[in-house]
């Protein structure tokens, strides 16, 4: 309906993203033997191992990702397009 102009000329689109997870502080833990923690961190600043910095949760740490915007942003911006 927007693309065909059926509802009139679009003047503004507002898209919201959730704030992301709010947890912590976390306690350092021993690195699992199957994980190369130095390799996992790459060029990010070196920190102690936290399970919350790995796998599904890495996207909430700005050292490894851009947070919710780079994780969900494209999907939510599609809604506005």
PDB file of N, CA and C in Angstrom:
ATOM      1  N   UNK A   1       0.816  -1.185   0.000  1.00  0.00           N
ATOM      2  CA  UNK A   1       0.000   0.000   0.000  1.00  0.00           C
ATOM      3  C   UNK A   1       0.867   1.259   0.000  1.00  0.00           C
ATOM      4  N   UNK A   2       2.016   1.183   0.647  1.00  0.00           N
ATOM      5  CA  UNK A   2       2.915   2.337   0.655  1.00  0.00           C
ATOM      6  C   UNK A   2       3.551   2.515  -0.716  1.00  0.00           C
ATOM      7  N   UNK A   3       4.065   1.430  -1.291  1.00  0.00           N
ATOM      8  CA  UNK A   3       4.764   1.521  -2.576  1.00  0.00           C
ATOM      9  C   UNK A   3       3.853   1.984  -3.700  1.00  0.00           C
ATOM     10  N   UNK A   4       2.582   1.634  -3.644  1.00  0.00           N
ATOM     11  CA  UNK A   4       1.654   2.052  -4.701  1.00  0.00           C
ATOM     12  C   UNK A   4       1.076   3.435  -4.452  1.00  0.00           C
ATOM     13  N   UNK A   5       1.317   4.012  -3.274  1.00  0.00           N
ATOM     14  CA  UNK A   5       0.791   5.323  -2.942  1.00  0.00           C
ATOM     15  C   UNK A   5      -0.656   5.301  -2.469  1.00  0.00           C
ATOM     16  N   UNK A   6      -1.174   4.149  -2.243  1.00  0.00           N
ATOM     17  CA  UNK A   6      -2.582   4.004  -1.868  1.00  0.00           C
ATOM     18  C   UNK A   6      -2.942   4.726  -0.567  1.00  0.00           C
ATOM     19  N   UNK A   7      -1.992   4.795   0.356  1.00  0.00           N
ATOM     20  CA  UNK A   7      -2.297   5.461   1.629  1.00  0.00           C
ATOM     21  C   UNK A   7      -1.739   6.884   1.669  1.00  0.00           C
ATOM     22  N   UNK A   8      -1.311   7.382   0.537  1.00  0.00           N
ATOM     23  CA  UNK A   8      -0.787   8.737   0.471  1.00  0.00           C
ATOM     24  C   UNK A   8       0.732   8.748   0.494  1.00  0.00           C
ATOM     25  N   UNK A   9       1.294   9.949   0.471  1.00  0.00           N
ATOM     26  CA  UNK A   9       2.750  10.089   0.472  1.00  0.00           C
ATOM     27  C   UNK A   9       3.283   9.865   1.880  1.00  0.00           C
ATOM     28  N   UNK A  10       4.234   8.989   1.973  1.00  0.00           N
ATOM     29  CA  UNK A  10       4.859   8.671   3.254  1.00  0.00           C
ATOM     30  C   UNK A  10       5.801   9.805   3.637  1.00  0.00           C
ATOM     31  N   UNK A  11       5.687  10.295   4.848  1.00  0.00           N
ATOM     32  CA  UNK A  11       6.510  11.418   5.288  1.00  0.00           C
ATOM     33  C   UNK A  11       7.565  11.020   6.308  1.00  0.00           C
ATOM     34  N   UNK A  12       7.272  10.000   7.095  1.00  0.00           N
ATOM     35  CA  UNK A  12       8.222   9.602   8.133  1.00  0.00           C
ATOM     36  C   UNK A  12       7.987   8.143   8.493  1.00  0.00           C
ATOM     37  N   UNK A  13       9.092   7.435   8.750  1.00  0.00           N
ATOM     38  CA  UNK A  13       9.034   6.056   9.239  1.00  0.00           C
ATOM     39  C   UNK A  13       9.899   5.993  10.495  1.00  0.00           C
ATOM     40  N   UNK A  14       9.359   5.461  11.564  1.00  0.00           N
ATOM     41  CA  UNK A  14      10.100   5.313  12.810  1.00  0.00           C
ATOM     42  C   UNK A  14      10.204   3.823  13.106  1.00  0.00           C
ATOM     43  N   UNK A  15      11.429   3.355  13.284  1.00  0.00           N
ATOM     44  CA  UNK A  15      11.682   1.950  13.579  1.00  0.00           C
ATOM     45  C   UNK A  15      12.397   1.875  14.921  1.00  0.00           C
ATOM     46  N   UNK A  16      11.920   1.024  15.783  1.00  0.00           N
ATOM     47  CA  UNK A  16      12.530   0.842  17.099  1.00  0.00           C
ATOM     48  C   UNK A  16      13.182  -0.531  17.187  1.00  0.00           C
ATOM     49  N   UNK A  17      14.257  -0.590  17.921  1.00  0.00           N
ATOM     50  CA  UNK A  17      14.929  -1.854  18.219  1.00  0.00           C
ATOM     51  C   UNK A  17      14.926  -2.062  19.721  1.00  0.00           C
ATOM     52  N   UNK A  18      14.847  -3.313  20.149  1.00  0.00           N
ATOM     53  CA  UNK A  18      14.938  -3.552  21.593  1.00  0.00           C
ATOM     54  C   UNK A  18      16.314  -3.144  22.100  1.00  0.00           C
ATOM     55  N   UNK A  19      16.406  -2.828  23.360  1.00  0.00           N
ATOM     56  CA  UNK A  19      17.658  -2.338  23.944  1.00  0.00           C
ATOM     57  C   UNK A  19      18.730  -3.412  24.047  1.00  0.00           C
ATOM     58  N   UNK A  20      18.365  -4.670  23.968  1.00  0.00           N
ATOM     59  CA  UNK A  20      19.345  -5.736  24.141  1.00  0.00           C
ATOM     60  C   UNK A  20      19.317  -6.238  25.576  1.00  0.00           C
ATOM     61  N   UNK A  21      20.147  -7.171  25.840  1.00  0.00           N
ATOM     62  CA  UNK A  21      20.158  -7.791  27.162  1.00  0.00           C
ATOM     63  C   UNK A  21      20.850  -6.895  28.176  1.00  0.00           C
ATOM     64  N   UNK A  22      20.391  -6.954  29.372  1.00  0.00           N
ATOM     65  CA  UNK A  22      20.989  -6.198  30.474  1.00  0.00           C
ATOM     66  C   UNK A  22      21.259  -7.194  31.603  1.00  0.00           C
ATOM     67  N   UNK A  23      22.459  -7.741  31.592  1.00  0.00           N
ATOM     68  CA  UNK A  23      22.826  -8.740  32.594  1.00  0.00           C
ATOM     69  C   UNK A  23      24.225  -8.444  33.112  1.00  0.00           C
ATOM     70  N   UNK A  24      24.609  -9.161  34.132  1.00  0.00           N
ATOM     71  CA  UNK A  24      25.942  -9.041  34.668  1.00  0.00           C
ATOM     72  C   UNK A  24      25.909  -8.306  35.993  1.00  0.00           C
ATOM     73  N   UNK A  25      27.045  -8.124  36.610  1.00  0.00           N
ATOM     74  CA  UNK A  25      28.375  -8.523  36.145  1.00  0.00           C
ATOM     75  C   UNK A  25      28.562 -10.042  36.188  1.00  0.00           C
ATOM     76  N   UNK A  26      29.469 -10.510  35.363  1.00  0.00           N
ATOM     77  CA  UNK A  26      29.744 -11.937  35.253  1.00  0.00           C
ATOM     78  C   UNK A  26      31.083 -12.261  35.904  1.00  0.00           C
ATOM     79  N   UNK A  27      31.244 -13.500  36.309  1.00  0.00           N
ATOM     80  CA  UNK A  27      32.471 -13.966  36.948  1.00  0.00           C
ATOM     81  C   UNK A  27      33.310 -14.750  35.941  1.00  0.00           C
ATOM     82  N   UNK A  28      34.606 -14.446  35.876  1.00  0.00           N
ATOM     83  CA  UNK A  28      35.511 -15.185  34.998  1.00  0.00           C
ATOM     84  C   UNK A  28      35.475 -16.667  35.332  1.00  0.00           C
ATOM     85  N   UNK A  29      35.661 -17.485  34.299  1.00  0.00           N
ATOM     86  CA  UNK A  29      35.675 -18.934  34.472  1.00  0.00           C
ATOM     87  C   UNK A  29      36.847 -19.515  33.711  1.00  0.00           C
ATOM     88  N   UNK A  30      37.213 -20.760  34.017  1.00  0.00           N
ATOM     89  CA  UNK A  30      38.283 -21.402  33.242  1.00  0.00           C
ATOM     90  C   UNK A  30      37.838 -21.608  31.794  1.00  0.00           C
ATOM     91  N   UNK A  31      38.762 -21.449  30.878  1.00  0.00           N
ATOM     92  CA  UNK A  31      38.460 -21.648  29.462  1.00  0.00           C
ATOM     93  C   UNK A  31      38.254 -23.138  29.211  1.00  0.00           C
ATOM     94  N   UNK A  32      37.169 -23.531  28.537  1.00  0.00           N
ATOM     95  CA  UNK A  32      36.978 -24.941  28.208  1.00  0.00           C
ATOM     96  C   UNK A  32      38.127 -25.438  27.326  1.00  0.00           C
ATOM     97  N   UNK A  33      38.547 -26.667  27.503  1.00  0.00           N
ATOM     98  CA  UNK A  33      39.706 -27.167  26.745  1.00  0.00           C
ATOM     99  C   UNK A  33      39.494 -27.165  25.230  1.00  0.00           C
ATOM    100  N   UNK A  34      38.259 -27.259  24.776  1.00  0.00           N
ATOM    101  CA  UNK A  34      37.999 -27.302  23.335  1.00  0.00           C
ATOM    102  C   UNK A  34      37.927 -25.912  22.687  1.00  0.00           C
ATOM    103  N   UNK A  35      38.069 -24.844  23.489  1.00  0.00           N
ATOM    104  CA  UNK A  35      37.950 -23.480  22.973  1.00  0.00           C
ATOM    105  C   UNK A  35      39.299 -22.784  22.989  1.00  0.00           C
ATOM    106  N   UNK A  36      39.714 -22.270  21.849  1.00  0.00           N
ATOM    107  CA  UNK A  36      40.915 -21.447  21.762  1.00  0.00           C
ATOM    108  C   UNK A  36      40.476 -20.001  22.022  1.00  0.00           C
ATOM    109  N   UNK A  37      40.510 -19.589  23.273  1.00  0.00           N
ATOM    110  CA  UNK A  37      39.981 -18.289  23.681  1.00  0.00           C
ATOM    111  C   UNK A  37      40.716 -17.133  23.013  1.00  0.00           C
ATOM    112  N   UNK A  38      42.042 -17.245  22.848  1.00  0.00           N
ATOM    113  CA  UNK A  38      42.799 -16.180  22.183  1.00  0.00           C
ATOM    114  C   UNK A  38      42.330 -16.020  20.733  1.00  0.00           C
ATOM    115  N   UNK A  39      42.129 -17.132  20.047  1.00  0.00           N
ATOM    116  CA  UNK A  39      41.650 -17.092  18.668  1.00  0.00           C
ATOM    117  C   UNK A  39      40.234 -16.515  18.603  1.00  0.00           C
ATOM    118  N   UNK A  40      39.394 -16.918  19.529  1.00  0.00           N
ATOM    119  CA  UNK A  40      38.005 -16.437  19.569  1.00  0.00           C
ATOM    120  C   UNK A  40      37.946 -14.915  19.694  1.00  0.00           C
ATOM    121  N   UNK A  41      38.809 -14.337  20.529  1.00  0.00           N
ATOM    122  CA  UNK A  41      38.788 -12.892  20.744  1.00  0.00           C
ATOM    123  C   UNK A  41      39.305 -12.110  19.545  1.00  0.00           C
ATOM    124  N   UNK A  42      40.108 -12.745  18.732  1.00  0.00           N
ATOM    125  CA  UNK A  42      40.619 -12.062  17.547  1.00  0.00           C
ATOM    126  C   UNK A  42      41.368 -10.798  17.919  1.00  0.00           C
ATOM    127  N   UNK A  43      41.019  -9.689  17.270  1.00  0.00           N
ATOM    128  CA  UNK A  43      41.703  -8.410  17.500  1.00  0.00           C
ATOM    129  C   UNK A  43      41.071  -7.597  18.617  1.00  0.00           C
ATOM    130  N   UNK A  44      40.027  -8.125  19.239  1.00  0.00           N
ATOM    131  CA  UNK A  44      39.395  -7.418  20.357  1.00  0.00           C
ATOM    132  C   UNK A  44      40.352  -7.366  21.544  1.00  0.00           C
ATOM    133  N   UNK A  45      40.175  -6.418  22.438  1.00  0.00           N
ATOM    134  CA  UNK A  45      41.019  -6.378  23.635  1.00  0.00           C
ATOM    135  C   UNK A  45      40.937  -7.698  24.405  1.00  0.00           C
ATOM    136  N   UNK A  46      42.061  -8.146  24.895  1.00  0.00           N
ATOM    137  CA  UNK A  46      42.118  -9.418  25.624  1.00  0.00           C
ATOM    138  C   UNK A  46      41.439  -9.283  26.985  1.00  0.00           C
ATOM    139  N   UNK A  47      40.554 -10.213  27.282  1.00  0.00           N
ATOM    140  CA  UNK A  47      39.837 -10.237  28.561  1.00  0.00           C
ATOM    141  C   UNK A  47      39.762 -11.673  29.051  1.00  0.00           C
ATOM    142  N   UNK A  48      39.422 -11.828  30.322  1.00  0.00           N
ATOM    143  CA  UNK A  48      39.218 -13.161  30.871  1.00  0.00           C
ATOM    144  C   UNK A  48      38.024 -13.827  30.205  1.00  0.00           C
ATOM    145  N   UNK A  49      38.018 -15.142  30.215  1.00  0.00           N
ATOM    146  CA  UNK A  49      36.927 -15.907  29.596  1.00  0.00           C
ATOM    147  C   UNK A  49      35.641 -15.786  30.403  1.00  0.00           C
ATOM    148  N   UNK A  50      34.579 -15.499  29.709  1.00  0.00           N
ATOM    149  CA  UNK A  50      33.219 -15.522  30.245  1.00  0.00           C
ATOM    150  C   UNK A  50      32.367 -16.295  29.236  1.00  0.00           C
ATOM    151  N   UNK A  51      31.637 -17.299  29.653  1.00  0.00           N
ATOM    152  CA  UNK A  51      30.772 -18.004  28.701  1.00  0.00           C
ATOM    153  C   UNK A  51      29.807 -17.048  27.998  1.00  0.00           C
ATOM    154  N   UNK A  52      29.433 -15.971  28.656  1.00  0.00           N
ATOM    155  CA  UNK A  52      28.487 -15.017  28.094  1.00  0.00           C
ATOM    156  C   UNK A  52      29.076 -14.204  26.938  1.00  0.00           C
ATOM    157  N   UNK A  53      30.388 -14.295  26.713  1.00  0.00           N
ATOM    158  CA  UNK A  53      31.014 -13.593  25.592  1.00  0.00           C
ATOM    159  C   UNK A  53      31.096 -14.466  24.344  1.00  0.00           C
ATOM    160  N   UNK A  54      30.605 -15.699  24.420  1.00  0.00           N
ATOM    161  CA  UNK A  54      30.743 -16.646  23.314  1.00  0.00           C
ATOM    162  C   UNK A  54      29.404 -16.982  22.666  1.00  0.00           C
ATOM    163  N   UNK A  55      29.520 -17.688  21.580  1.00  0.00           N
ATOM    164  CA  UNK A  55      28.409 -18.331  20.881  1.00  0.00           C
ATOM    165  C   UNK A  55      27.227 -17.381  20.680  1.00  0.00           C
ATOM    166  N   UNK A  56      26.057 -17.691  21.117  1.00  0.00           N
ATOM    167  CA  UNK A  56      24.886 -16.853  20.847  1.00  0.00           C
ATOM    168  C   UNK A  56      24.972 -15.466  21.480  1.00  0.00           C
ATOM    169  N   UNK A  57      25.739 -15.331  22.533  1.00  0.00           N
ATOM    170  CA  UNK A  57      25.747 -14.080  23.297  1.00  0.00           C
ATOM    171  C   UNK A  57      26.773 -13.051  22.812  1.00  0.00           C
ATOM    172  N   UNK A  58      27.682 -13.427  21.929  1.00  0.00           N
ATOM    173  CA  UNK A  58      28.743 -12.496  21.520  1.00  0.00           C
ATOM    174  C   UNK A  58      28.175 -11.213  20.927  1.00  0.00           C
ATOM    175  N   UNK A  59      26.998 -11.299  20.316  1.00  0.00           N
ATOM    176  CA  UNK A  59      26.426 -10.145  19.621  1.00  0.00           C
ATOM    177  C   UNK A  59      26.026  -9.003  20.550  1.00  0.00           C
ATOM    178  N   UNK A  60      26.006  -9.241  21.845  1.00  0.00           N
ATOM    179  CA  UNK A  60      25.638  -8.186  22.796  1.00  0.00           C
ATOM    180  C   UNK A  60      26.858  -7.465  23.363  1.00  0.00           C
ATOM    181  N   UNK A  61      28.037  -7.844  22.915  1.00  0.00           N
ATOM    182  CA  UNK A  61      29.277  -7.210  23.383  1.00  0.00           C
ATOM    183  C   UNK A  61      29.847  -6.375  22.241  1.00  0.00           C
ATOM    184  N   UNK A  62      30.015  -5.074  22.468  1.00  0.00           N
ATOM    185  CA  UNK A  62      30.483  -4.197  21.406  1.00  0.00           C
ATOM    186  C   UNK A  62      31.897  -4.528  20.932  1.00  0.00           C
ATOM    187  N   UNK A  63      32.680  -5.237  21.741  1.00  0.00           N
ATOM    188  CA  UNK A  63      34.024  -5.615  21.288  1.00  0.00           C
ATOM    189  C   UNK A  63      33.970  -6.601  20.119  1.00  0.00           C
ATOM    190  N   UNK A  64      32.874  -7.340  19.987  1.00  0.00           N
ATOM    191  CA  UNK A  64      32.780  -8.385  18.964  1.00  0.00           C
ATOM    192  C   UNK A  64      31.692  -8.116  17.935  1.00  0.00           C
ATOM    193  N   UNK A  65      30.827  -7.185  18.192  1.00  0.00           N
ATOM    194  CA  UNK A  65      29.673  -6.956  17.325  1.00  0.00           C
ATOM    195  C   UNK A  65      29.230  -5.510  17.484  1.00  0.00           C
ATOM    196  N   UNK A  66      28.232  -5.126  16.750  1.00  0.00           N
ATOM    197  CA  UNK A  66      27.703  -3.775  16.864  1.00  0.00           C
ATOM    198  C   UNK A  66      26.450  -3.714  17.713  1.00  0.00           C
ATOM    199  N   UNK A  67      26.214  -4.765  18.501  1.00  0.00           N
ATOM    200  CA  UNK A  67      25.035  -4.784  19.355  1.00  0.00           C
ATOM    201  C   UNK A  67      23.766  -5.096  18.575  1.00  0.00           C
ATOM    202  N   UNK A  68      22.660  -4.694  19.117  1.00  0.00           N
ATOM    203  CA  UNK A  68      21.366  -5.014  18.527  1.00  0.00           C
ATOM    204  C   UNK A  68      21.220  -4.427  17.128  1.00  0.00           C
ATOM    205  N   UNK A  69      21.786  -3.262  16.882  1.00  0.00           N
ATOM    206  CA  UNK A  69      21.643  -2.629  15.570  1.00  0.00           C
ATOM    207  C   UNK A  69      22.221  -3.504  14.453  1.00  0.00           C
ATOM    208  N   UNK A  70      23.400  -4.057  14.639  1.00  0.00           N
ATOM    209  CA  UNK A  70      23.974  -4.880  13.577  1.00  0.00           C
ATOM    210  C   UNK A  70      23.413  -6.302  13.583  1.00  0.00           C
ATOM    211  N   UNK A  71      22.827  -6.719  14.691  1.00  0.00           N
ATOM    212  CA  UNK A  71      22.237  -8.056  14.761  1.00  0.00           C
ATOM    213  C   UNK A  71      20.835  -8.077  14.161  1.00  0.00           C
ATOM    214  N   UNK A  72      19.994  -7.146  14.558  1.00  0.00           N
ATOM    215  CA  UNK A  72      18.599  -7.119  14.120  1.00  0.00           C
ATOM    216  C   UNK A  72      18.280  -5.965  13.186  1.00  0.00           C
ATOM    217  N   UNK A  73      19.162  -4.976  13.125  1.00  0.00           N
ATOM    218  CA  UNK A  73      18.861  -3.736  12.435  1.00  0.00           C
ATOM    219  C   UNK A  73      18.336  -3.881  11.024  1.00  0.00           C
ATOM    220  N   UNK A  74      18.987  -4.685  10.196  1.00  0.00           N
ATOM    221  CA  UNK A  74      18.549  -4.821   8.812  1.00  0.00           C
ATOM    222  C   UNK A  74      17.120  -5.363   8.726  1.00  0.00           C
ATOM    223  N   UNK A  75      16.781  -6.268   9.594  1.00  0.00           N
ATOM    224  CA  UNK A  75      15.431  -6.843   9.572  1.00  0.00           C
ATOM    225  C   UNK A  75      14.381  -5.795   9.936  1.00  0.00           C
ATOM    226  N   UNK A  76      14.684  -4.977  10.926  1.00  0.00           N
ATOM    227  CA  UNK A  76      13.735  -3.952  11.339  1.00  0.00           C
ATOM    228  C   UNK A  76      13.664  -2.799  10.344  1.00  0.00           C
ATOM    229  N   UNK A  77      14.799  -2.482   9.713  1.00  0.00           N
ATOM    230  CA  UNK A  77      14.774  -1.433   8.695  1.00  0.00           C
ATOM    231  C   UNK A  77      13.973  -1.884   7.470  1.00  0.00           C
ATOM    232  N   UNK A  78      13.980  -3.179   7.177  1.00  0.00           N
ATOM    233  CA  UNK A  78      13.148  -3.716   6.091  1.00  0.00           C
ATOM    234  C   UNK A  78      11.675  -3.425   6.316  1.00  0.00           C
ATOM    235  N   UNK A  79      11.236  -3.461   7.562  1.00  0.00           N
ATOM    236  CA  UNK A  79       9.838  -3.185   7.887  1.00  0.00           C
ATOM    237  C   UNK A  79       9.477  -1.777   7.420  1.00  0.00           C
ATOM    238  N   UNK A  80      10.376  -0.843   7.641  1.00  0.00           N
ATOM    239  CA  UNK A  80      10.127   0.543   7.251  1.00  0.00           C
ATOM    240  C   UNK A  80      10.253   0.791   5.762  1.00  0.00           C
ATOM    241  N   UNK A  81      10.886  -0.117   5.044  1.00  0.00           N
ATOM    242  CA  UNK A  81      11.060   0.063   3.614  1.00  0.00           C
ATOM    243  C   UNK A  81       9.844  -0.489   2.911  1.00  0.00           C
TER     244      UNK A  81
END
